[in-house]
């Protein structure tokens, strides 16, 4: 099924680069096609005709592009990536490539009402990024990663298009938190 879906993506978007996502802060600049997916949580390219893909099941698939079409980026933003600054690092690379007005599209991800966490994780993330502070509907500690990411992007002058879909609440989307074992959604972008 996965290989069939990847063939469909390639048929619609052209050759597609995927990542071995690590929940880290590694950004890889894609200069050409490769059979080996890089170990990274963000991809950036200036090459037209090459699609970049990010796979998620509750984390945020973040797609970036600029008005001048100088570069595009695909980022896997989970709590670790948010704290480690993967998005800011990727934007910095795109700006170094000549991007001025950058746009961001957040795909479906788990919302702040559903991303319940323990005290230690809550303190780690909220201590670094207070915008992530949230509580569940029951009043327990939670993280609102989409809100935190949107606030950061806006502070950096990025034009943001958010998603209103929570992967945990919507059965049409994969959610590792909801199901335990799951497939992945793909966010795809290309020049």
C-alpha atoms as a PDB file:
ATOM      1  CA  UNK A   1       0.000   0.000   0.000  1.00  0.00           C
ATOM      2  CA  UNK A   2       2.797   2.446   0.909  1.00  0.00           C
ATOM      3  CA  UNK A   3       4.653   1.809  -2.340  1.00  0.00           C
ATOM      4  CA  UNK A   4       1.433   2.220  -4.332  1.00  0.00           C
ATOM      5  CA  UNK A   5       0.729   5.543  -2.616  1.00  0.00           C
ATOM      6  CA  UNK A   6       4.264   6.734  -3.295  1.00  0.00           C
ATOM      7  CA  UNK A   7       3.863   5.820  -6.960  1.00  0.00           C
ATOM      8  CA  UNK A   8       0.651   7.875  -7.053  1.00  0.00           C
ATOM      9  CA  UNK A   9       2.449  10.844  -5.502  1.00  0.00           C
ATOM     10  CA  UNK A  10       5.283  10.550  -8.024  1.00  0.00           C
ATOM     11  CA  UNK A  11       2.782  10.356 -10.889  1.00  0.00           C
ATOM     12  CA  UNK A  12       1.155  13.597  -9.705  1.00  0.00           C
ATOM     13  CA  UNK A  13       4.134  15.559  -8.358  1.00  0.00           C
ATOM     14  CA  UNK A  14       7.192  14.039 -10.047  1.00  0.00           C
ATOM     15  CA  UNK A  15      10.205  12.513  -8.305  1.00  0.00           C
ATOM     16  CA  UNK A  16       9.701  12.842  -4.544  1.00  0.00           C
ATOM     17  CA  UNK A  17      12.302  12.946  -1.780  1.00  0.00           C
ATOM     18  CA  UNK A  18      11.276  11.495   1.600  1.00  0.00           C
ATOM     19  CA  UNK A  19      13.146  11.694   4.915  1.00  0.00           C
ATOM     20  CA  UNK A  20      14.135   9.291   7.642  1.00  0.00           C
ATOM     21  CA  UNK A  21      12.617  11.594  10.258  1.00  0.00           C
ATOM     22  CA  UNK A  22      14.524  11.697  13.530  1.00  0.00           C
ATOM     23  CA  UNK A  23      12.658  14.220  15.751  1.00  0.00           C
ATOM     24  CA  UNK A  24      15.768  16.390  15.609  1.00  0.00           C
ATOM     25  CA  UNK A  25      16.926  19.617  14.010  1.00  0.00           C
ATOM     26  CA  UNK A  26      18.734  18.444  10.874  1.00  0.00           C
ATOM     27  CA  UNK A  27      17.895  20.287   7.661  1.00  0.00           C
ATOM     28  CA  UNK A  28      19.077  18.804   4.350  1.00  0.00           C
ATOM     29  CA  UNK A  29      19.365  20.870   1.190  1.00  0.00           C
ATOM     30  CA  UNK A  30      18.305  18.710  -1.758  1.00  0.00           C
ATOM     31  CA  UNK A  31      20.379  19.433  -4.858  1.00  0.00           C
ATOM     32  CA  UNK A  32      19.259  16.429  -6.894  1.00  0.00           C
ATOM     33  CA  UNK A  33      17.600  13.033  -6.789  1.00  0.00           C
ATOM     34  CA  UNK A  34      18.825  10.257  -4.540  1.00  0.00           C
ATOM     35  CA  UNK A  35      17.637   6.725  -3.829  1.00  0.00           C
ATOM     36  CA  UNK A  36      18.680   7.087  -0.194  1.00  0.00           C
ATOM     37  CA  UNK A  37      16.335   9.179   2.000  1.00  0.00           C
ATOM     38  CA  UNK A  38      18.357  11.574   4.179  1.00  0.00           C
ATOM     39  CA  UNK A  39      18.242  11.444   7.975  1.00  0.00           C
ATOM     40  CA  UNK A  40      16.537  14.775   8.640  1.00  0.00           C
ATOM     41  CA  UNK A  41      13.413  16.529   9.827  1.00  0.00           C
ATOM     42  CA  UNK A  42      13.445  19.206   7.145  1.00  0.00           C
ATOM     43  CA  UNK A  43      14.206  19.356   3.447  1.00  0.00           C
ATOM     44  CA  UNK A  44      14.822  22.459   1.342  1.00  0.00           C
ATOM     45  CA  UNK A  45      15.367  22.671  -2.396  1.00  0.00           C
ATOM     46  CA  UNK A  46      15.824  25.203  -5.163  1.00  0.00           C
ATOM     47  CA  UNK A  47      15.507  22.489  -7.820  1.00  0.00           C
ATOM     48  CA  UNK A  48      12.333  22.608  -9.871  1.00  0.00           C
ATOM     49  CA  UNK A  49      10.665  19.291 -10.598  1.00  0.00           C
ATOM     50  CA  UNK A  50      11.708  17.645  -7.310  1.00  0.00           C
ATOM     51  CA  UNK A  51       8.955  17.232  -4.720  1.00  0.00           C
ATOM     52  CA  UNK A  52       9.710  17.186  -0.995  1.00  0.00           C
ATOM     53  CA  UNK A  53       7.593  15.062   1.350  1.00  0.00           C
ATOM     54  CA  UNK A  54       7.029  15.053   5.094  1.00  0.00           C
ATOM     55  CA  UNK A  55       5.162  12.169   6.768  1.00  0.00           C
ATOM     56  CA  UNK A  56       3.166  12.584   9.981  1.00  0.00           C
ATOM     57  CA  UNK A  57       0.531  10.941  12.155  1.00  0.00           C
ATOM     58  CA  UNK A  58       0.033  13.687  14.794  1.00  0.00           C
ATOM     59  CA  UNK A  59       3.042  15.958  14.319  1.00  0.00           C
ATOM     60  CA  UNK A  60       2.711  19.046  12.129  1.00  0.00           C
ATOM     61  CA  UNK A  61       3.535  18.757   8.420  1.00  0.00           C
ATOM     62  CA  UNK A  62       4.828  22.238   7.610  1.00  0.00           C
ATOM     63  CA  UNK A  63       5.284  23.336   3.997  1.00  0.00           C
ATOM     64  CA  UNK A  64       7.157  26.551   3.119  1.00  0.00           C
ATOM     65  CA  UNK A  65       7.542  28.544  -0.091  1.00  0.00           C
ATOM     66  CA  UNK A  66       8.390  32.093  -1.056  1.00  0.00           C
ATOM     67  CA  UNK A  67       6.868  34.646  -3.419  1.00  0.00           C
ATOM     68  CA  UNK A  68       9.931  34.632  -5.671  1.00  0.00           C
ATOM     69  CA  UNK A  69       9.893  30.813  -6.060  1.00  0.00           C
ATOM     70  CA  UNK A  70      13.534  30.623  -5.016  1.00  0.00           C
ATOM     71  CA  UNK A  71      13.042  27.645  -2.698  1.00  0.00           C
ATOM     72  CA  UNK A  72      10.571  25.368  -0.943  1.00  0.00           C
ATOM     73  CA  UNK A  73      10.758  23.445   2.309  1.00  0.00           C
ATOM     74  CA  UNK A  74       9.045  20.510   3.998  1.00  0.00           C
ATOM     75  CA  UNK A  75       9.377  20.202   7.775  1.00  0.00           C
ATOM     76  CA  UNK A  76       8.389  17.561  10.323  1.00  0.00           C
ATOM     77  CA  UNK A  77       7.447  19.607  13.414  1.00  0.00           C
ATOM     78  CA  UNK A  78       6.869  17.607  16.584  1.00  0.00           C
ATOM     79  CA  UNK A  79       7.476  18.798  20.130  1.00  0.00           C
ATOM     80  CA  UNK A  80      11.207  18.063  19.937  1.00  0.00           C
ATOM     81  CA  UNK A  81      11.563  19.802  16.595  1.00  0.00           C
ATOM     82  CA  UNK A  82       9.645  22.806  17.896  1.00  0.00           C
ATOM     83  CA  UNK A  83      11.912  23.072  20.957  1.00  0.00           C
ATOM     84  CA  UNK A  84      15.072  22.411  18.882  1.00  0.00           C
ATOM     85  CA  UNK A  85      14.217  25.207  16.437  1.00  0.00           C
ATOM     86  CA  UNK A  86      13.904  23.110  13.261  1.00  0.00           C
ATOM     87  CA  UNK A  87      11.532  25.638  11.686  1.00  0.00           C
ATOM     88  CA  UNK A  88      13.667  28.709  12.375  1.00  0.00           C
ATOM     89  CA  UNK A  89      16.727  26.876  11.079  1.00  0.00           C
ATOM     90  CA  UNK A  90      14.908  25.939   7.855  1.00  0.00           C
ATOM     91  CA  UNK A  91      13.642  29.478   7.334  1.00  0.00           C
ATOM     92  CA  UNK A  92      17.188  30.756   7.828  1.00  0.00           C
ATOM     93  CA  UNK A  93      18.442  28.464   5.067  1.00  0.00           C
ATOM     94  CA  UNK A  94      15.653  29.555   2.728  1.00  0.00           C
ATOM     95  CA  UNK A  95      16.413  33.223   3.419  1.00  0.00           C
ATOM     96  CA  UNK A  96      20.104  32.592   2.719  1.00  0.00           C
ATOM     97  CA  UNK A  97      18.977  31.167  -0.645  1.00  0.00           C
ATOM     98  CA  UNK A  98      17.202  34.433  -1.469  1.00  0.00           C
ATOM     99  CA  UNK A  99      13.697  33.897  -0.089  1.00  0.00           C
ATOM    100  CA  UNK A 100      12.104  37.115   1.141  1.00  0.00           C
ATOM    101  CA  UNK A 101       8.372  36.751   1.764  1.00  0.00           C
ATOM    102  CA  UNK A 102       7.897  33.182   2.979  1.00  0.00           C
ATOM    103  CA  UNK A 103       4.513  31.459   3.263  1.00  0.00           C
ATOM    104  CA  UNK A 104       3.726  28.553   5.591  1.00  0.00           C
ATOM    105  CA  UNK A 105       0.996  25.945   5.330  1.00  0.00           C
ATOM    106  CA  UNK A 106       0.354  23.811   8.412  1.00  0.00           C
ATOM    107  CA  UNK A 107      -1.261  20.474   7.660  1.00  0.00           C
ATOM    108  CA  UNK A 108      -3.545  18.483   9.984  1.00  0.00           C
ATOM    109  CA  UNK A 109      -2.030  17.622  13.369  1.00  0.00           C
ATOM    110  CA  UNK A 110      -3.062  16.915  16.928  1.00  0.00           C
ATOM    111  CA  UNK A 111      -4.624  19.942  18.644  1.00  0.00           C
ATOM    112  CA  UNK A 112      -3.988  21.409  22.082  1.00  0.00           C
ATOM    113  CA  UNK A 113      -7.166  19.890  23.534  1.00  0.00           C
ATOM    114  CA  UNK A 114      -6.014  16.376  22.641  1.00  0.00           C
ATOM    115  CA  UNK A 115      -2.213  16.345  23.108  1.00  0.00           C
ATOM    116  CA  UNK A 116      -2.091  15.337  26.764  1.00  0.00           C
ATOM    117  CA  UNK A 117       1.399  15.097  28.276  1.00  0.00           C
ATOM    118  CA  UNK A 118       3.028  14.500  31.633  1.00  0.00           C
ATOM    119  CA  UNK A 119       4.434  17.201  33.887  1.00  0.00           C
ATOM    120  CA  UNK A 120       8.057  16.740  32.766  1.00  0.00           C
ATOM    121  CA  UNK A 121       7.334  17.067  29.026  1.00  0.00           C
ATOM    122  CA  UNK A 122       4.934  19.934  29.667  1.00  0.00           C
ATOM    123  CA  UNK A 123       7.549  21.875  31.645  1.00  0.00           C
ATOM    124  CA  UNK A 124      10.261  21.209  29.059  1.00  0.00           C
ATOM    125  CA  UNK A 125       8.208  22.447  26.114  1.00  0.00           C
ATOM    126  CA  UNK A 126       6.302  25.295  27.793  1.00  0.00           C
ATOM    127  CA  UNK A 127       9.513  26.428  29.492  1.00  0.00           C
ATOM    128  CA  UNK A 128      11.093  26.857  26.061  1.00  0.00           C
ATOM    129  CA  UNK A 129       7.979  27.983  24.157  1.00  0.00           C
ATOM    130  CA  UNK A 130       5.210  29.373  26.400  1.00  0.00           C
ATOM    131  CA  UNK A 131       2.781  29.569  23.444  1.00  0.00           C
ATOM    132  CA  UNK A 132       2.505  25.761  23.624  1.00  0.00           C
ATOM    133  CA  UNK A 133       0.710  25.872  26.994  1.00  0.00           C
ATOM    134  CA  UNK A 134      -2.675  24.120  26.916  1.00  0.00           C
ATOM    135  CA  UNK A 135      -5.031  21.854  28.823  1.00  0.00           C
ATOM    136  CA  UNK A 136      -7.236  19.005  27.680  1.00  0.00           C
ATOM    137  CA  UNK A 137     -11.010  19.120  27.878  1.00  0.00           C
ATOM    138  CA  UNK A 138     -10.665  17.294  31.215  1.00  0.00           C
ATOM    139  CA  UNK A 139      -8.254  19.946  32.505  1.00  0.00           C
ATOM    140  CA  UNK A 140      -5.031  17.894  32.380  1.00  0.00           C
ATOM    141  CA  UNK A 141      -1.755  19.263  31.021  1.00  0.00           C
ATOM    142  CA  UNK A 142      -1.474  19.435  27.245  1.00  0.00           C
ATOM    143  CA  UNK A 143       0.587  21.029  24.484  1.00  0.00           C
ATOM    144  CA  UNK A 144      -0.788  23.140  21.640  1.00  0.00           C
ATOM    145  CA  UNK A 145       2.013  22.764  19.100  1.00  0.00           C
ATOM    146  CA  UNK A 146       0.064  24.271  16.179  1.00  0.00           C
ATOM    147  CA  UNK A 147      -0.662  27.467  18.129  1.00  0.00           C
ATOM    148  CA  UNK A 148       2.953  27.706  19.287  1.00  0.00           C
ATOM    149  CA  UNK A 149       4.243  27.220  15.744  1.00  0.00           C
ATOM    150  CA  UNK A 150       1.798  29.761  14.300  1.00  0.00           C
ATOM    151  CA  UNK A 151       2.843  32.369  16.889  1.00  0.00           C
ATOM    152  CA  UNK A 152       6.533  31.780  16.121  1.00  0.00           C
ATOM    153  CA  UNK A 153       5.985  31.978  12.371  1.00  0.00           C
ATOM    154  CA  UNK A 154       4.063  35.232  12.711  1.00  0.00           C
ATOM    155  CA  UNK A 155       6.829  36.705  14.880  1.00  0.00           C
ATOM    156  CA  UNK A 156       9.303  35.858  12.105  1.00  0.00           C
ATOM    157  CA  UNK A 157       7.171  37.632   9.477  1.00  0.00           C
ATOM    158  CA  UNK A 158       5.887  34.468   7.793  1.00  0.00           C
ATOM    159  CA  UNK A 159       2.432  34.441   6.163  1.00  0.00           C
ATOM    160  CA  UNK A 160       0.613  31.515   7.798  1.00  0.00           C
ATOM    161  CA  UNK A 161      -2.232  29.310   6.587  1.00  0.00           C
ATOM    162  CA  UNK A 162      -3.232  27.057   9.509  1.00  0.00           C
ATOM    163  CA  UNK A 163      -5.191  23.822   9.488  1.00  0.00           C
ATOM    164  CA  UNK A 164      -8.313  23.399  11.613  1.00  0.00           C
ATOM    165  CA  UNK A 165      -8.152  19.596  11.471  1.00  0.00           C
ATOM    166  CA  UNK A 166      -7.129  17.622  14.555  1.00  0.00           C
ATOM    167  CA  UNK A 167      -5.756  14.206  13.612  1.00  0.00           C
ATOM    168  CA  UNK A 168      -6.812  12.754  16.974  1.00  0.00           C
ATOM    169  CA  UNK A 169     -10.430  13.912  16.593  1.00  0.00           C
ATOM    170  CA  UNK A 170     -10.924  13.250  12.877  1.00  0.00           C
ATOM    171  CA  UNK A 171     -11.086   9.528  11.978  1.00  0.00           C
ATOM    172  CA  UNK A 172     -10.252  10.345   8.339  1.00  0.00           C
ATOM    173  CA  UNK A 173      -6.653  11.077   9.400  1.00  0.00           C
ATOM    174  CA  UNK A 174      -3.964   8.897  10.940  1.00  0.00           C
ATOM    175  CA  UNK A 175      -3.274   9.502  14.630  1.00  0.00           C
ATOM    176  CA  UNK A 176      -0.624   7.614  16.541  1.00  0.00           C
ATOM    177  CA  UNK A 177      -1.987   9.019  19.804  1.00  0.00           C
ATOM    178  CA  UNK A 178      -5.476   7.735  19.041  1.00  0.00           C
ATOM    179  CA  UNK A 179      -4.650   4.369  17.434  1.00  0.00           C
ATOM    180  CA  UNK A 180      -1.220   3.308  18.742  1.00  0.00           C
ATOM    181  CA  UNK A 181      -0.169   1.802  15.423  1.00  0.00           C
ATOM    182  CA  UNK A 182      -0.901   3.790  12.309  1.00  0.00           C
ATOM    183  CA  UNK A 183       0.010   4.891   8.829  1.00  0.00           C
ATOM    184  CA  UNK A 184       1.097   8.405   7.886  1.00  0.00           C
ATOM    185  CA  UNK A 185      -0.263  11.423   6.016  1.00  0.00           C
ATOM    186  CA  UNK A 186       2.077  13.130   3.566  1.00  0.00           C
ATOM    187  CA  UNK A 187       2.635  16.823   3.039  1.00  0.00           C
ATOM    188  CA  UNK A 188       4.200  17.431  -0.392  1.00  0.00           C
ATOM    189  CA  UNK A 189       5.600  20.571  -2.024  1.00  0.00           C
ATOM    190  CA  UNK A 190       7.698  21.405  -5.091  1.00  0.00           C
ATOM    191  CA  UNK A 191       8.800  24.357  -7.182  1.00  0.00           C
END
